[in-house]
C-alpha atoms as a PDB file:
ATOM      1  CA  MET A   1      19.212 -18.289 -17.519  1.00  0.00           C
ATOM      2  CA  THR A   2      17.272 -15.520 -16.255  1.00  0.00           C
ATOM      3  CA  LYS A   3      13.938 -15.753 -15.302  1.00  0.00           C
ATOM      4  CA  LYS A   4      11.012 -14.070 -16.763  1.00  0.00           C
ATOM      5  CA  ARG A   5       9.351 -11.721 -15.209  1.00  0.00           C
ATOM      6  CA  CYS A   6       5.984  -9.121 -15.755  1.00  0.00           C
ATOM      7  CA  SER A   7       7.495  -6.533 -18.410  1.00  0.00           C
ATOM      8  CA  TRP A   8       6.914  -3.861 -15.367  1.00  0.00           C
ATOM      9  CA  VAL A   9       9.878  -5.097 -13.879  1.00  0.00           C
ATOM     10  CA  SER A  10      13.305  -3.155 -14.944  1.00  0.00           C
ATOM     11  CA  ASP A  11      16.584  -4.073 -14.234  1.00  0.00           C
ATOM     12  CA  ASP A  12      16.690  -3.009 -10.917  1.00  0.00           C
ATOM     13  CA  GLU A  13      17.346  -5.387  -7.989  1.00  0.00           C
ATOM     14  CA  ILE A  14      14.977  -3.644  -5.508  1.00  0.00           C
ATOM     15  CA  TYR A  15      12.207  -3.756  -8.722  1.00  0.00           C
ATOM     16  CA  ILE A  16      13.383  -7.514  -9.376  1.00  0.00           C
ATOM     17  CA  LYS A  17      13.048  -8.188  -5.034  1.00  0.00           C
ATOM     18  CA  TYR A  18       9.615  -6.234  -4.561  1.00  0.00           C
ATOM     19  CA  HIS A  19       8.503  -8.399  -7.629  1.00  0.00           C
ATOM     20  CA  ASP A  20       9.547 -11.385  -7.025  1.00  0.00           C
ATOM     21  CA  GLU A  21       9.359 -11.643  -3.090  1.00  0.00           C
ATOM     22  CA  GLU A  22       6.477  -9.237  -2.535  1.00  0.00           C
ATOM     23  CA  TRP A  23       4.217  -7.992  -5.295  1.00  0.00           C
ATOM     24  CA  GLY A  24       1.376 -10.336  -5.442  1.00  0.00           C
ATOM     25  CA  VAL A  25       1.686 -12.235  -2.542  1.00  0.00           C
ATOM     26  CA  PRO A  26      -1.202 -12.579  -0.244  1.00  0.00           C
ATOM     27  CA  THR A  27      -0.407 -10.577   2.989  1.00  0.00           C
ATOM     28  CA  HIS A  28      -2.771 -11.367   6.641  1.00  0.00           C
ATOM     29  CA  ASP A  29      -0.199  -9.140   8.721  1.00  0.00           C
ATOM     30  CA  ASP A  30      -2.050  -6.165   9.895  1.00  0.00           C
ATOM     31  CA  HIS A  31       1.858  -4.085  10.396  1.00  0.00           C
ATOM     32  CA  VAL A  32       2.144  -4.643   6.324  1.00  0.00           C
ATOM     33  CA  VAL A  33      -0.769  -4.361   5.398  1.00  0.00           C
ATOM     34  CA  PHE A  34      -0.415  -1.150   6.797  1.00  0.00           C
ATOM     35  CA  GLU A  35       2.692   0.024   5.586  1.00  0.00           C
ATOM     36  CA  MET A  36       1.252  -0.807   2.006  1.00  0.00           C
ATOM     37  CA  LEU A  37      -1.600   1.101   1.926  1.00  0.00           C
ATOM     38  CA  VAL A  38       1.251   4.109   3.465  1.00  0.00           C
ATOM     39  CA  LEU A  39       3.530   3.449   0.660  1.00  0.00           C
ATOM     40  CA  GLU A  40       0.740   3.162  -1.757  1.00  0.00           C
ATOM     41  CA  SER A  41      -1.045   6.470  -0.963  1.00  0.00           C
ATOM     42  CA  PHE A  42       2.796   8.512  -1.024  1.00  0.00           C
ATOM     43  CA  GLN A  43       3.101   6.771  -4.505  1.00  0.00           C
ATOM     44  CA  ALA A  44      -0.036   8.703  -5.995  1.00  0.00           C
ATOM     45  CA  GLY A  45       1.585  10.945  -9.099  1.00  0.00           C
ATOM     46  CA  LEU A  46       4.943   8.787  -8.980  1.00  0.00           C
ATOM     47  CA  SER A  47       5.934   6.018  -9.955  1.00  0.00           C
ATOM     48  CA  TRP A  48       6.371   3.248  -7.837  1.00  0.00           C
ATOM     49  CA  ILE A  49      10.185   3.144  -8.046  1.00  0.00           C
ATOM     50  CA  THR A  50      10.038   5.996  -6.259  1.00  0.00           C
ATOM     51  CA  ILE A  51       8.698   4.575  -2.926  1.00  0.00           C
ATOM     52  CA  LEU A  52      10.158   1.676  -3.448  1.00  0.00           C
ATOM     53  CA  LYS A  53      14.059   3.664  -3.243  1.00  0.00           C
ATOM     54  CA  LYS A  54      12.962   6.548  -0.174  1.00  0.00           C
ATOM     55  CA  ARG A  55      10.899   2.957   1.644  1.00  0.00           C
ATOM     56  CA  GLU A  56      13.853   2.758   4.192  1.00  0.00           C
ATOM     57  CA  ASN A  57      13.274   6.474   4.811  1.00  0.00           C
ATOM     58  CA  PHE A  58       9.641   6.249   5.316  1.00  0.00           C
ATOM     59  CA  ARG A  59      10.374   3.614   7.356  1.00  0.00           C
ATOM     60  CA  LYS A  60      12.556   4.987   9.093  1.00  0.00           C
ATOM     61  CA  ALA A  61      10.654   8.582   9.428  1.00  0.00           C
ATOM     62  CA  PHE A  62       7.606   7.170  10.192  1.00  0.00           C
ATOM     63  CA  ASP A  63       8.357   4.565  12.978  1.00  0.00           C
ATOM     64  CA  ASP A  64       8.756   1.596  11.148  1.00  0.00           C
ATOM     65  CA  PHE A  65       4.781   1.922   9.863  1.00  0.00           C
ATOM     66  CA  ASP A  66       3.546   1.971  13.372  1.00  0.00           C
ATOM     67  CA  TYR A  67       0.167   3.143  13.295  1.00  0.00           C
ATOM     68  CA  VAL A  68      -0.465   3.451  16.774  1.00  0.00           C
ATOM     69  CA  LYS A  69       2.695   6.072  16.728  1.00  0.00           C
ATOM     70  CA  ILE A  70       2.159   7.681  13.351  1.00  0.00           C
ATOM     71  CA  SER A  71      -1.781   8.278  14.651  1.00  0.00           C
ATOM     72  CA  GLN A  72      -0.909  10.307  17.376  1.00  0.00           C
ATOM     73  CA  TYR A  73       1.762  13.054  15.717  1.00  0.00           C
ATOM     74  CA  GLY A  74       1.319  16.480  16.381  1.00  0.00           C
ATOM     75  CA  GLU A  75       2.634  19.110  14.444  1.00  0.00           C
ATOM     76  CA  ASP A  76       5.831  18.883  15.252  1.00  0.00           C
ATOM     77  CA  LYS A  77       6.107  15.790  13.944  1.00  0.00           C
ATOM     78  CA  ILE A  78       4.198  16.558  10.580  1.00  0.00           C
ATOM     79  CA  ASN A  79       7.068  19.776  10.330  1.00  0.00           C
ATOM     80  CA  GLU A  80       9.761  16.692  11.038  1.00  0.00           C
ATOM     81  CA  LEU A  81       8.175  15.348   7.914  1.00  0.00           C
ATOM     82  CA  GLN A  82       8.372  18.064   5.825  1.00  0.00           C
ATOM     83  CA  ASN A  83      11.551  18.723   6.150  1.00  0.00           C
ATOM     84  CA  ASN A  84      12.611  15.282   5.394  1.00  0.00           C
ATOM     85  CA  LYS A  85      13.976  15.308   2.264  1.00  0.00           C
ATOM     86  CA  GLY A  86      14.715  11.216   2.188  1.00  0.00           C
ATOM     87  CA  ILE A  87      10.772  10.917   1.964  1.00  0.00           C
ATOM     88  CA  ILE A  88       8.292  12.208  -0.580  1.00  0.00           C
ATOM     89  CA  ARG A  89       6.984  15.543   1.804  1.00  0.00           C
ATOM     90  CA  HIS A  90       3.691  15.961   0.827  1.00  0.00           C
ATOM     91  CA  LYS A  91       2.250  17.508   3.738  1.00  0.00           C
ATOM     92  CA  LEU A  92      -1.340  16.861   2.020  1.00  0.00           C
ATOM     93  CA  LYS A  93      -0.057  13.130   2.317  1.00  0.00           C
ATOM     94  CA  ILE A  94       1.222  13.196   5.667  1.00  0.00           C
ATOM     95  CA  ASN A  95      -1.425  14.241   6.984  1.00  0.00           C
ATOM     96  CA  ALA A  96      -3.378  11.261   5.061  1.00  0.00           C
ATOM     97  CA  ALA A  97      -0.947   9.139   6.730  1.00  0.00           C
ATOM     98  CA  ILE A  98      -1.577   9.786  10.346  1.00  0.00           C
ATOM     99  CA  LYS A  99      -5.653   9.992   9.215  1.00  0.00           C
ATOM    100  CA  ASN A 100      -6.017   6.764   7.909  1.00  0.00           C
ATOM    101  CA  ALA A 101      -3.984   5.382  10.694  1.00  0.00           C
ATOM    102  CA  LYS A 102      -7.299   6.226  13.024  1.00  0.00           C
ATOM    103  CA  VAL A 103      -8.510   4.781  10.565  1.00  0.00           C
ATOM    104  CA  PHE A 104      -7.453   1.726  10.656  1.00  0.00           C
ATOM    105  CA  MET A 105      -7.319   1.109  14.189  1.00  0.00           C
ATOM    106  CA  GLU A 106     -11.978   1.805  14.114  1.00  0.00           C
ATOM    107  CA  ILE A 107     -11.554  -0.807  11.299  1.00  0.00           C
ATOM    108  CA  GLN A 108      -9.220  -3.602  13.302  1.00  0.00           C
ATOM    109  CA  ASN A 109     -11.898  -2.286  16.044  1.00  0.00           C
ATOM    110  CA  GLU A 110     -14.846  -3.062  14.493  1.00  0.00           C
ATOM    111  CA  PHE A 111     -13.293  -5.996  12.497  1.00  0.00           C
ATOM    112  CA  GLY A 112     -11.271  -7.396  14.561  1.00  0.00           C
ATOM    113  CA  SER A 113      -7.397  -6.837  11.842  1.00  0.00           C
ATOM    114  CA  PHE A 114      -8.155  -4.808   8.960  1.00  0.00           C
ATOM    115  CA  ASP A 115      -6.515  -8.463   7.290  1.00  0.00           C
ATOM    116  CA  LYS A 116     -10.318  -9.363   8.210  1.00  0.00           C
ATOM    117  CA  TYR A 117     -11.849  -5.982   6.966  1.00  0.00           C
ATOM    118  CA  ILE A 118      -9.672  -5.869   3.434  1.00  0.00           C
ATOM    119  CA  TRP A 119      -9.825 -10.286   2.859  1.00  0.00           C
ATOM    120  CA  GLY A 120     -13.698 -10.160   3.243  1.00  0.00           C
ATOM    121  CA  PHE A 121     -14.063  -8.082  -0.116  1.00  0.00           C
ATOM    122  CA  THR A 122     -13.099 -11.320  -2.121  1.00  0.00           C
ATOM    123  CA  ASP A 123     -14.524 -13.772   0.564  1.00  0.00           C
ATOM    124  CA  SER A 124     -10.748 -14.258   1.808  1.00  0.00           C
ATOM    125  CA  LYS A 125     -10.617 -15.379  -2.536  1.00  0.00           C
ATOM    126  CA  ILE A 126      -7.363 -13.890  -4.426  1.00  0.00           C
ATOM    127  CA  ILE A 127      -8.152 -12.762  -7.843  1.00  0.00           C
ATOM    128  CA  LYS A 128      -6.002 -13.619 -10.744  1.00  0.00           C
ATOM    129  CA  ALA A 129      -4.914 -11.368 -13.669  1.00  0.00           C
ATOM    130  CA  GLU A 130      -7.397  -8.820 -13.225  1.00  0.00           C
ATOM    131  CA  PHE A 131      -4.284  -6.746 -15.706  1.00  0.00           C
ATOM    132  CA  LYS A 132      -6.477  -3.365 -15.121  1.00  0.00           C
ATOM    133  CA  THR A 133      -5.652  -0.371 -13.095  1.00  0.00           C
ATOM    134  CA  GLU A 134      -9.061   0.478 -11.099  1.00  0.00           C
ATOM    135  CA  SER A 135     -12.311  -2.831 -11.041  1.00  0.00           C
ATOM    136  CA  GLU A 136     -15.462  -2.868  -9.565  1.00  0.00           C
ATOM    137  CA  LEU A 137     -13.573  -4.058  -6.150  1.00  0.00           C
ATOM    138  CA  SER A 138     -11.296  -0.913  -6.050  1.00  0.00           C
ATOM    139  CA  LYS A 139     -13.992   1.493  -6.565  1.00  0.00           C
ATOM    140  CA  THR A 140     -16.258  -0.279  -3.784  1.00  0.00           C
ATOM    141  CA  ILE A 141     -12.970  -0.784  -1.175  1.00  0.00           C
ATOM    142  CA  SER A 142     -12.089   3.118  -2.126  1.00  0.00           C
ATOM    143  CA  LYS A 143     -15.098   4.665  -1.674  1.00  0.00           C
ATOM    144  CA  ASP A 144     -16.125   2.262   1.735  1.00  0.00           C
ATOM    145  CA  LEU A 145     -12.623   3.568   2.972  1.00  0.00           C
ATOM    146  CA  LYS A 146     -13.346   7.044   2.202  1.00  0.00           C
ATOM    147  CA  LYS A 147     -16.598   6.933   3.997  1.00  0.00           C
ATOM    148  CA  ARG A 148     -15.128   5.635   6.951  1.00  0.00           C
ATOM    149  CA  GLY A 149     -12.545   9.308   6.553  1.00  0.00           C
ATOM    150  CA  MET A 150      -9.466   8.178   5.037  1.00  0.00           C
ATOM    151  CA  SER A 151      -7.614   9.741   1.888  1.00  0.00           C
ATOM    152  CA  PHE A 152      -5.953   9.141  -0.915  1.00  0.00           C
ATOM    153  CA  VAL A 153      -7.259   5.526  -1.061  1.00  0.00           C
ATOM    154  CA  GLY A 154      -9.030   6.390  -4.623  1.00  0.00           C
ATOM    155  CA  PRO A 155      -9.895   3.302  -7.046  1.00  0.00           C
ATOM    156  CA  THR A 156      -6.594   2.913  -8.603  1.00  0.00           C
ATOM    157  CA  ILE A 157      -4.596   3.312  -5.510  1.00  0.00           C
ATOM    158  CA  ILE A 158      -6.669   0.565  -3.712  1.00  0.00           C
ATOM    159  CA  TYR A 159      -6.339  -1.747  -6.864  1.00  0.00           C
ATOM    160  CA  SER A 160      -2.563  -0.814  -6.686  1.00  0.00           C
ATOM    161  CA  TYR A 161      -3.150  -1.481  -3.147  1.00  0.00           C
ATOM    162  CA  LEU A 162      -4.790  -4.946  -3.353  1.00  0.00           C
ATOM    163  CA  GLU A 163      -1.962  -5.986  -5.911  1.00  0.00           C
ATOM    164  CA  SER A 164       0.578  -5.087  -3.594  1.00  0.00           C
ATOM    165  CA  ILE A 165      -0.922  -7.014  -0.820  1.00  0.00           C
ATOM    166  CA  GLY A 166      -1.996 -10.172  -2.664  1.00  0.00           C
ATOM    167  CA  ILE A 167      -5.751  -9.931  -3.407  1.00  0.00           C
ATOM    168  CA  ILE A 168      -5.296  -9.554  -6.781  1.00  0.00           C
ATOM    169  CA  ASP A 169      -3.004 -11.627  -8.904  1.00  0.00           C
ATOM    170  CA  ASN A 170      -1.816 -10.156 -11.767  1.00  0.00           C
ATOM    171  CA  HIS A 171       1.159 -11.757 -12.630  1.00  0.00           C
ATOM    172  CA  GLN A 172       1.537 -12.334 -16.391  1.00  0.00           C
ATOM    173  CA  GLU A 173       1.151 -16.062 -17.542  1.00  0.00           C
ATOM    174  CA  ASP A 174       4.909 -15.826 -19.249  1.00  0.00           C
ATOM    175  CA  CYS A 175       6.095 -14.447 -15.508  1.00  0.00           C
ATOM    176  CA  PHE A 176       8.379 -16.908 -13.510  1.00  0.00           C
ATOM    177  CA  LYS A 177       5.817 -15.627 -11.054  1.00  0.00           C
ATOM    178  CA  PHE A 178       2.621 -17.164 -12.902  1.00  0.00           C
END
């Protein structure tokens, strides 16, 4: 018997693994939280499956999402990334990843961790089943991140991001993860 999953999950093994093991699962590791922020920002305008299929290439290209290293990328590394056919070669998104790494660390310094910052918006509570593409919460966080200097963090991107790190759990009622 096959497990019933959310309707957006195709029969692609990458999608199934992501849905079953990551999506909607509360994450408190700043390294993973940063990885998802980068991936979600690169996803803007594309399908999530495209990003998932390139995830390992992103890991290699972006030094395993080491935000300290990424924050120090210069022109040579930016050029290398722009020529890397294994990732999304969008200059504005690449530059945003670098800038966002710097802001990420500033937030860590201010709050003790990015995890405390991001989960602080819900008092560490999980929001269940809204089924939206953006919300007042994602608008508030987006506005705050932009004010701090981040890019590619609009309300829709942030809503997806909150789902990816488990702050919003949107598994459908008939899904085995509900």
